Every structure is written in C-alpha cells, then in structure tokens.
Amino acid sequence: MREIASLVEAMDYLDEDLFIDWSGEIEEHFSPVAFDDIGRLDNSAYTYLLSLNKSNLTLSSEGIDSVIEEEDANFMEIMISRDKLLTSVHFWQYPRGSGWQVLNTSEEPFLPDHKPMQDKFMAFAEKMNLLVLRDEDLRAEVPYEGEMVSIYYKYFDDEYESRQEIPY
C-alpha cells in the first residue's frame, strides 16, 4: 500500500483552469446506458451512477420502485477525483424486495452479465489516463493537513466521517 500512496502523491494536480466534462465523456463512452450524476458540489470527486438494470432505469427514474419489487436493482458507481486523475468503481445492488433499505457494494460485478461494463470502465479509464484505485488503495494513508488520512478522504471525499476508513 505504501507504493500506491507514493505513486498517488507524486502525481500532478489537475490545473485549475482545465475543465473536463466528465459527464459528457461518460455519456459518450457508455451510451446508451442511462446514468445519474450523484456527486455533491462540495465533494472532492465527481460521482456517477450507471444503470445496470434491464429496463435501463436510473436511481432517479420514475418507475425505479417497480424494478426493485420484481428484481435486484443494480448500478455501477464511478468516482473521479477533482484533484488528480484518479478513479474508482463499485457495483451497487439493492436486493429485490428490500425496499431500498439494503445496499450491497462490491468491487466486482454481482452478475456475470455486468462484467462487460467493468471491462468498458477499464477501457474508459485507460482512454482518459485515469489511475484506477481498488478499495485497498483507497485505504492507503497519505499526508493531509498535518495528519495521515486515507487516499479516499483526501482525493474523493474530504467531508467523509472517517479520515482513515472508506464507505465500502
């Protein structure tokens, strides 16, 4: 983990004048897959949730509640740091009948049918020169404001409740 922390810290920060339309890039690369921008403006990362449902409904779509009554609701979360060319991907699954009360997350797809989306994400990351971080990498500690914090906290969500743990 020390190696990834050193690599991440050695990376250049993005130029403040550089604007990358991540939403547009994701739309172009993953089309026709529907997605939501679920990031917060005060967050350290852009966060997108892509539909992996047969009906291609997003979390904010009308009719998504009927999906979870019939089948598991599946999504792929893509986080991209606002500070450096870093990214992470997670698969979300709300189990059928859970009424949105249970969320399972994984670095790996829950269904074999979703593996091509994982591969497509890896191709996207390569095309955009993004360093893909796994959960273990996100837990690696780096210096921030005089203390050691997780890569996740420093580069993806500096308002997260824990400076060392990650939400996955």
Protein backbone atom coordinates (compact mmCIF):
# COMPACT_ATOMS: atom_id res chain seq x y z
CA MET A 1 0.00 0.00 0.00
CA ARG A 2 2.94 2.28 0.58
CA GLU A 3 3.79 2.10 -3.13
CA ILE A 4 0.35 3.27 -4.25
CA ALA A 5 0.40 6.12 -1.73
CA SER A 6 3.78 7.29 -3.07
CA LEU A 7 2.57 6.98 -6.66
CA VAL A 8 -0.60 8.97 -5.97
CA GLU A 9 1.24 11.67 -4.06
CA ALA A 10 3.80 12.02 -6.87
CA MET A 11 1.07 12.58 -9.49
CA ASP A 12 0.48 16.12 -10.71
CA TYR A 13 -2.56 18.01 -9.51
CA LEU A 14 -5.01 18.95 -12.25
CA ASP A 15 -4.65 22.50 -13.50
CA GLU A 16 -7.43 24.66 -12.02
CA ASP A 17 -8.13 26.08 -15.49
CA LEU A 18 -8.54 22.62 -17.01
CA PHE A 19 -12.16 21.55 -17.30
CA ILE A 20 -13.00 18.00 -18.24
CA ASP A 21 -16.67 17.36 -18.96
CA TRP A 22 -16.72 14.01 -17.19
CA SER A 23 -20.48 13.71 -17.54
CA GLY A 24 -20.20 14.17 -21.31
CA GLU A 25 -17.27 11.76 -21.54
CA ILE A 26 -19.21 9.11 -19.60
CA GLU A 27 -22.33 9.67 -21.68
CA GLU A 28 -20.34 9.29 -24.90
CA HIS A 29 -18.37 6.23 -23.77
CA PHE A 30 -21.19 4.29 -22.08
CA SER A 31 -24.14 5.26 -24.32
CA PRO A 32 -26.95 4.14 -24.37
CA VAL A 33 -26.60 3.31 -20.66
CA ALA A 34 -28.57 5.76 -18.51
CA PHE A 35 -26.81 7.38 -15.55
CA ASP A 36 -27.25 9.90 -12.74
CA ASP A 37 -24.77 12.48 -11.50
CA ILE A 38 -24.90 11.78 -7.76
CA GLY A 39 -21.91 13.91 -6.77
CA ARG A 40 -22.08 16.80 -4.33
CA LEU A 41 -20.69 20.17 -5.40
CA ASP A 42 -18.75 20.39 -2.13
CA ASN A 43 -17.27 16.92 -2.64
CA SER A 44 -13.72 16.13 -3.71
CA ALA A 45 -14.94 13.86 -6.52
CA TYR A 46 -17.35 13.58 -9.41
CA THR A 47 -19.65 10.61 -8.83
CA TYR A 48 -21.84 8.93 -11.42
CA LEU A 49 -24.23 6.00 -11.04
CA LEU A 50 -24.82 3.99 -14.21
CA SER A 51 -27.84 1.76 -14.60
CA LEU A 52 -27.21 -1.96 -14.97
CA ASN A 53 -30.92 -2.76 -14.92
CA LYS A 54 -32.69 -4.50 -17.79
CA SER A 55 -35.04 -1.52 -18.06
CA ASN A 56 -32.06 0.93 -18.08
CA LEU A 57 -33.73 2.95 -15.31
CA THR A 58 -31.52 5.09 -13.08
CA LEU A 59 -31.89 5.60 -9.35
CA SER A 60 -33.75 8.86 -10.02
CA SER A 61 -36.01 7.46 -12.77
CA GLU A 62 -39.73 7.31 -12.39
CA GLY A 63 -40.66 3.67 -12.20
CA ILE A 64 -37.46 2.51 -10.48
CA ASP A 65 -39.51 1.46 -7.43
CA SER A 66 -41.28 -1.16 -9.55
CA VAL A 67 -37.91 -2.62 -10.59
CA ILE A 68 -36.92 -3.48 -7.02
CA GLU A 69 -40.25 -5.23 -6.48
CA GLU A 70 -39.50 -7.59 -9.38
CA GLU A 71 -35.70 -7.95 -9.36
CA ASP A 72 -32.49 -6.70 -7.80
CA ALA A 73 -31.68 -3.11 -8.76
CA ASN A 74 -28.06 -2.94 -9.99
CA PHE A 75 -25.82 0.04 -10.65
CA MET A 76 -22.17 0.84 -11.32
CA GLU A 77 -20.70 3.78 -9.39
CA ILE A 78 -17.80 5.69 -10.97
CA MET A 79 -15.91 8.19 -8.82
CA ILE A 80 -13.36 10.55 -10.37
CA SER A 81 -11.19 12.82 -8.23
CA ARG A 82 -11.44 16.55 -8.83
CA ASP A 83 -7.76 16.95 -7.84
CA LYS A 84 -5.84 14.25 -9.71
CA LEU A 85 -6.52 11.74 -12.49
CA LEU A 86 -7.76 9.09 -10.05
CA THR A 87 -10.83 6.91 -10.28
CA SER A 88 -12.57 4.05 -8.54
CA VAL A 89 -15.52 1.85 -9.48
CA HIS A 90 -18.03 -0.04 -7.35
CA PHE A 91 -21.05 -2.11 -8.08
CA TRP A 92 -24.22 -1.45 -6.13
CA GLN A 93 -27.07 -3.87 -5.63
CA TYR A 94 -30.36 -3.20 -3.89
CA PRO A 95 -31.86 -6.67 -3.35
CA ARG A 96 -35.33 -7.41 -4.64
CA GLY A 97 -37.97 -6.71 -2.04
CA SER A 98 -35.61 -4.77 0.24
CA GLY A 99 -37.49 -1.51 -0.22
CA TRP A 100 -34.19 0.35 -0.75
CA GLN A 101 -33.18 -0.45 2.85
CA VAL A 102 -30.28 -2.77 1.96
CA LEU A 103 -27.35 -1.75 -0.26
CA ASN A 104 -24.68 -4.28 -1.16
CA THR A 105 -21.46 -2.91 -2.65
CA SER A 106 -18.57 -4.70 -4.32
CA GLU A 107 -15.50 -4.00 -6.44
CA GLU A 108 -16.63 -6.87 -8.65
CA PRO A 109 -19.91 -7.15 -10.57
CA PHE A 110 -22.68 -9.05 -8.81
CA LEU A 111 -23.77 -10.70 -12.06
CA PRO A 112 -21.66 -12.16 -14.90
CA ASP A 113 -23.77 -10.06 -17.31
CA HIS A 114 -22.20 -6.93 -15.79
CA LYS A 115 -18.58 -7.95 -16.44
CA PRO A 116 -18.60 -6.25 -19.88
CA MET A 117 -19.47 -2.96 -18.13
CA GLN A 118 -16.50 -3.42 -15.82
CA ASP A 119 -14.32 -4.00 -18.88
CA LYS A 120 -15.80 -0.94 -20.56
CA PHE A 121 -14.97 1.10 -17.44
CA MET A 122 -11.35 -0.10 -17.56
CA ALA A 123 -11.15 0.95 -21.23
CA PHE A 124 -12.61 4.34 -20.29
CA ALA A 125 -10.06 4.80 -17.50
CA GLU A 126 -7.22 3.91 -19.86
CA LYS A 127 -8.50 6.26 -22.59
CA MET A 128 -8.79 9.14 -20.08
CA ASN A 129 -5.42 8.38 -18.39
CA LEU A 130 -7.12 7.70 -15.06
CA LEU A 131 -5.37 5.64 -12.40
CA VAL A 132 -7.86 3.03 -11.16
CA LEU A 133 -7.78 2.55 -7.40
CA ARG A 134 -9.16 -0.51 -5.61
CA ASP A 135 -10.53 -0.44 -2.06
CA GLU A 136 -7.15 -1.44 -0.63
CA ASP A 137 -5.58 1.52 -2.47
CA LEU A 138 -8.27 3.91 -1.21
CA ARG A 139 -7.39 2.89 2.36
CA ALA A 140 -3.68 3.72 1.92
CA GLU A 141 -2.63 6.66 4.04
CA VAL A 142 -1.22 9.93 2.73
CA PRO A 143 -0.37 13.22 4.47
CA TYR A 144 -3.11 15.86 4.57
CA GLU A 145 -3.27 19.00 6.72
CA GLY A 146 -0.66 17.72 9.16
CA GLU A 147 -2.04 14.21 9.66
CA MET A 148 -2.28 10.88 7.87
CA VAL A 149 -5.59 10.22 6.11
CA SER A 150 -6.85 7.71 3.56
CA ILE A 151 -6.48 8.38 -0.15
CA TYR A 152 -10.28 8.18 -0.25
CA TYR A 153 -10.63 11.03 2.25
CA LYS A 154 -8.03 13.30 0.64
CA TYR A 155 -8.93 12.84 -3.02
CA PHE A 156 -12.55 11.65 -3.10
CA ASP A 157 -14.50 12.91 -0.06
CA ASP A 158 -12.81 15.18 2.47
CA GLU A 159 -16.07 15.50 4.38
CA TYR A 160 -16.44 11.76 4.99
CA GLU A 161 -16.99 10.90 8.65
CA SER A 162 -13.71 8.99 8.94
CA ARG A 163 -10.30 10.18 7.85
CA GLN A 164 -8.96 6.60 7.63
CA GLU A 165 -11.89 4.32 6.76
CA ILE A 166 -13.77 4.15 3.46
CA PRO A 167 -17.51 3.54 2.96
CA TYR A 168 -17.06 0.25 1.09
